[in-house]
């Protein structure tokens, strides 16, 4: 189902403010889009962080994992976690502002196509614990994944990757703490994924701990490859 009718209804009663200039009229004015902190080439082929020309290899926390510890096969994000992009994620995640959803979905979809992630067999969202989802009323990653699956014309695997234990917020935790916090937090309760390439969607990637743990579970269910896609990427995980 298209997100357009819902967004039009919400925009009628609650006119959106631009994430860049804060003026009423659009979630992002066309003239303001170029000011967003897009993550551009050249990128690390694996983790998706910009790779300075003078550096021979990437030193992000994902790239520093040994090959047998890498459960993700590729990660891409649209923006740096700053400026208007950060505000968009915060509006969606904590304030329940649904008017930003369609714009974020379109940016995610464009990134998926640019980076060939649209070749996936299906889309999966990083799940919330049921208690937290009841409190918030929705899973922001689920809204994004639903839209991406719609625009890419891919199946959405809903409610079969689950968060089986409640974890503390990842905000403020270091890389190792983040990995320990989400260890064994997820489970797959669906069909076999034998031979499938999956695109897992979330709002923010910091160290990649959550995406990596979800990917580990999907690989245990026989997925061939798991690619991560997020709206924003924090850069503090680079060494």
Protein backbone atom coordinates (compact mmCIF):
# COMPACT_ATOMS: atom_id res chain seq x y z
CA UNK A 1 0.00 0.00 0.00
CA UNK A 2 1.34 3.44 -0.88
CA UNK A 3 2.32 5.77 1.94
CA UNK A 4 1.11 8.80 -0.04
CA UNK A 5 -2.57 9.00 1.10
CA UNK A 6 -1.57 8.80 4.76
CA UNK A 7 1.15 11.42 4.40
CA UNK A 8 -1.24 13.78 2.57
CA UNK A 9 -3.79 13.49 5.37
CA UNK A 10 -1.19 14.14 8.06
CA UNK A 11 0.24 17.08 6.11
CA UNK A 12 -3.22 18.66 5.86
CA UNK A 13 -3.69 18.78 9.64
CA UNK A 14 -0.01 19.18 10.57
CA UNK A 15 1.86 21.06 7.83
CA UNK A 16 5.45 19.79 7.77
CA UNK A 17 8.47 21.93 8.54
CA UNK A 18 11.58 21.56 6.46
CA UNK A 19 14.31 19.57 8.18
CA UNK A 20 16.90 22.01 6.87
CA UNK A 21 15.41 25.52 7.12
CA UNK A 22 12.49 24.81 9.51
CA UNK A 23 10.03 26.69 7.31
CA UNK A 24 6.52 25.31 6.79
CA UNK A 25 5.69 23.78 3.43
CA UNK A 26 7.63 20.57 2.92
CA UNK A 27 9.53 17.94 4.82
CA UNK A 28 12.53 19.01 2.75
CA UNK A 29 12.32 21.87 0.28
CA UNK A 30 13.93 20.97 -3.09
CA UNK A 31 16.37 23.85 -2.69
CA UNK A 32 17.39 22.57 0.75
CA UNK A 33 18.10 18.95 -0.22
CA UNK A 34 21.59 19.71 -1.50
CA UNK A 35 22.57 20.93 1.97
CA UNK A 36 22.05 17.49 3.49
CA UNK A 37 25.14 15.54 4.59
CA UNK A 38 25.01 12.81 1.94
CA UNK A 39 27.63 10.07 2.19
CA UNK A 40 29.37 10.10 -1.16
CA UNK A 41 32.00 8.08 -3.00
CA UNK A 42 34.69 6.97 -2.63
CA UNK A 43 33.40 4.53 0.00
CA UNK A 44 34.74 1.47 1.72
CA UNK A 45 33.21 -1.34 -0.31
CA UNK A 46 32.37 -3.26 2.86
CA UNK A 47 31.25 -0.88 5.61
CA UNK A 48 30.20 2.09 3.48
CA UNK A 49 32.22 4.79 5.27
CA UNK A 50 33.99 7.38 3.11
CA UNK A 51 37.51 6.21 2.37
CA UNK A 52 40.05 9.06 2.12
CA UNK A 53 42.21 8.78 -0.98
CA UNK A 54 45.40 8.63 1.06
CA UNK A 55 44.29 5.63 3.11
CA UNK A 56 44.84 2.14 1.78
CA UNK A 57 42.21 0.51 3.97
CA UNK A 58 39.28 1.35 6.22
CA UNK A 59 39.65 1.27 10.01
CA UNK A 60 36.01 1.33 11.06
CA UNK A 61 34.85 -1.01 13.82
CA UNK A 62 33.12 -3.19 11.22
CA UNK A 63 36.23 -3.46 9.06
CA UNK A 64 38.44 -4.24 12.05
CA UNK A 65 36.46 -7.41 12.71
CA UNK A 66 38.18 -10.55 11.53
CA UNK A 67 36.64 -12.13 8.40
CA UNK A 68 35.06 -14.97 10.41
CA UNK A 69 33.37 -12.40 12.69
CA UNK A 70 31.75 -10.52 9.82
CA UNK A 71 28.12 -11.52 9.55
CA UNK A 72 27.11 -8.57 7.38
CA UNK A 73 28.15 -8.64 3.74
CA UNK A 74 27.77 -4.94 3.03
CA UNK A 75 26.45 -1.80 4.76
CA UNK A 76 25.27 1.45 3.22
CA UNK A 77 23.77 4.61 4.71
CA UNK A 78 22.34 7.69 3.03
CA UNK A 79 23.53 10.49 5.31
CA UNK A 80 25.94 11.32 8.06
CA UNK A 81 24.09 11.42 11.40
CA UNK A 82 24.10 15.21 11.59
CA UNK A 83 22.18 18.34 10.64
CA UNK A 84 18.78 17.87 9.00
CA UNK A 85 19.28 14.13 8.49
CA UNK A 86 19.71 13.62 12.22
CA UNK A 87 16.62 15.73 12.88
CA UNK A 88 14.63 13.58 10.47
CA UNK A 89 15.59 10.41 12.30
CA UNK A 90 14.78 11.98 15.68
CA UNK A 91 11.37 13.19 14.49
CA UNK A 92 10.52 9.72 13.26
CA UNK A 93 12.01 7.82 16.19
CA UNK A 94 11.03 9.81 19.25
CA UNK A 95 8.33 12.28 18.26
CA UNK A 96 6.12 10.09 16.12
CA UNK A 97 6.18 12.51 13.19
CA UNK A 98 5.02 10.34 10.31
CA UNK A 99 5.29 13.08 7.68
CA UNK A 100 9.03 12.41 7.38
CA UNK A 101 8.56 8.70 6.66
CA UNK A 102 7.89 8.89 2.92
CA UNK A 103 10.79 11.27 2.30
CA UNK A 104 13.20 9.06 4.26
CA UNK A 105 11.90 5.98 2.44
CA UNK A 106 12.51 7.58 -0.94
CA UNK A 107 16.06 8.51 0.03
CA UNK A 108 16.66 4.96 1.29
CA UNK A 109 15.22 3.49 -1.89
CA UNK A 110 17.46 5.66 -4.04
CA UNK A 111 20.51 4.59 -2.05
CA UNK A 112 19.54 0.92 -2.35
CA UNK A 113 19.33 1.26 -6.11
CA UNK A 114 22.61 3.18 -6.40
CA UNK A 115 24.46 0.55 -4.40
CA UNK A 116 22.76 -2.46 -6.05
CA UNK A 117 21.05 -3.50 -2.82
CA UNK A 118 17.77 -3.72 -4.73
CA UNK A 119 19.00 -7.12 -5.92
CA UNK A 120 17.92 -8.57 -2.55
CA UNK A 121 15.25 -11.25 -2.39
CA UNK A 122 13.40 -9.62 0.50
CA UNK A 123 13.48 -6.81 3.08
CA UNK A 124 13.65 -7.23 6.86
CA UNK A 125 13.39 -4.58 9.60
CA UNK A 126 15.44 -4.49 12.78
CA UNK A 127 12.76 -5.35 15.37
CA UNK A 128 11.87 -3.58 18.60
CA UNK A 129 11.08 -5.48 21.76
CA UNK A 130 7.26 -5.80 22.06
CA UNK A 131 7.25 -3.75 25.27
CA UNK A 132 9.09 -0.85 23.66
CA UNK A 133 6.94 -1.03 20.56
CA UNK A 134 3.78 -0.83 22.69
CA UNK A 135 5.19 2.23 24.47
CA UNK A 136 6.18 3.97 21.23
CA UNK A 137 3.22 2.73 19.22
CA UNK A 138 5.26 1.71 16.19
CA UNK A 139 8.66 0.45 15.08
CA UNK A 140 10.42 3.17 13.10
CA UNK A 141 12.61 0.62 11.31
CA UNK A 142 9.47 -1.29 10.39
CA UNK A 143 7.92 1.79 8.78
CA UNK A 144 11.08 2.38 6.77
CA UNK A 145 11.38 -1.27 5.74
CA UNK A 146 7.73 -1.37 4.65
CA UNK A 147 8.24 1.63 2.38
CA UNK A 148 11.52 0.37 0.94
CA UNK A 149 9.98 -3.03 0.17
CA UNK A 150 7.04 -1.30 -1.53
CA UNK A 151 9.15 0.93 -3.78
CA UNK A 152 11.63 -1.82 -4.64
CA UNK A 153 8.77 -4.27 -5.26
CA UNK A 154 10.27 -6.80 -2.86
CA UNK A 155 8.64 -9.03 -0.24
CA UNK A 156 8.73 -7.75 3.35
CA UNK A 157 9.39 -10.41 5.96
CA UNK A 158 7.37 -9.13 8.91
CA UNK A 159 7.26 -10.40 12.48
CA UNK A 160 9.62 -13.31 11.91
CA UNK A 161 12.85 -11.63 13.00
CA UNK A 162 12.04 -10.89 16.63
CA UNK A 163 13.75 -9.28 19.59
CA UNK A 164 13.47 -11.97 22.24
CA UNK A 165 14.85 -9.98 25.14
CA UNK A 166 14.67 -6.33 26.07
CA UNK A 167 18.00 -4.51 25.81
CA UNK A 168 19.13 -1.21 27.20
CA UNK A 169 19.43 1.72 24.84
CA UNK A 170 22.60 1.69 22.73
CA UNK A 171 22.97 5.47 23.17
CA UNK A 172 26.12 6.26 25.10
CA UNK A 173 27.59 2.75 24.87
CA UNK A 174 30.98 1.97 23.37
CA UNK A 175 31.54 -0.49 20.57
CA UNK A 176 32.19 -3.54 22.75
CA UNK A 177 29.33 -2.63 25.08
CA UNK A 178 26.98 -2.33 22.12
CA UNK A 179 27.92 -5.79 20.86
CA UNK A 180 27.47 -7.32 24.31
CA UNK A 181 24.15 -5.52 24.78
CA UNK A 182 22.55 -7.07 21.69
CA UNK A 183 24.22 -10.49 21.87
CA UNK A 184 21.54 -13.21 21.54
CA UNK A 185 18.84 -10.51 21.61
CA UNK A 186 17.27 -11.62 18.31
CA UNK A 187 15.75 -14.80 16.94
CA UNK A 188 14.34 -16.02 13.62
CA UNK A 189 10.97 -17.74 13.89
CA UNK A 190 10.17 -18.10 10.22
CA UNK A 191 10.89 -20.33 7.27
CA UNK A 192 14.33 -21.31 6.01
CA UNK A 193 16.18 -18.54 4.19
CA UNK A 194 18.32 -20.93 2.17
CA UNK A 195 20.04 -19.12 -0.69
CA UNK A 196 18.32 -15.77 -0.13
CA UNK A 197 19.97 -12.35 -0.08
CA UNK A 198 18.29 -10.09 2.48
CA UNK A 199 18.24 -6.33 2.95
CA UNK A 200 17.90 -5.38 6.62
CA UNK A 201 16.74 -1.82 7.32
CA UNK A 202 17.27 0.41 10.36
CA UNK A 203 17.30 4.13 11.08
CA UNK A 204 20.89 4.61 12.32
CA UNK A 205 24.14 2.67 12.12
CA UNK A 206 26.82 3.56 14.67
CA UNK A 207 29.19 0.63 15.17
CA UNK A 208 27.06 -1.88 13.27
CA UNK A 209 26.55 -4.05 16.36
CA UNK A 210 22.78 -4.36 16.01
CA UNK A 211 22.86 -4.98 12.27
CA UNK A 212 25.64 -7.55 12.73
CA UNK A 213 23.75 -9.48 15.39
CA UNK A 214 20.60 -9.52 13.24
CA UNK A 215 22.70 -10.72 10.31
CA UNK A 216 24.16 -13.51 12.42
CA UNK A 217 20.66 -14.78 13.18
CA UNK A 218 19.64 -14.55 9.52
CA UNK A 219 22.76 -16.46 8.47
CA UNK A 220 21.88 -19.17 11.01
CA UNK A 221 18.55 -19.44 9.16
CA UNK A 222 20.64 -20.14 6.02
CA UNK A 223 20.56 -16.69 4.38
CA UNK A 224 23.22 -16.41 1.68
CA UNK A 225 24.04 -12.72 2.13
CA UNK A 226 22.75 -9.96 4.42
CA UNK A 227 23.09 -6.30 3.48
CA UNK A 228 22.46 -3.43 5.88
CA UNK A 229 20.77 -0.16 4.90
CA UNK A 230 20.21 2.80 7.22
CA UNK A 231 19.13 6.41 6.93
CA UNK A 232 22.13 7.79 8.80
CA UNK A 233 25.58 6.72 9.88
CA UNK A 234 27.52 7.96 12.88
CA UNK A 235 31.19 8.38 12.17
CA UNK A 236 32.63 7.95 15.66
CA UNK A 237 33.28 4.25 15.06
CA UNK A 238 36.21 5.03 12.76
CA UNK A 239 39.55 4.58 14.55
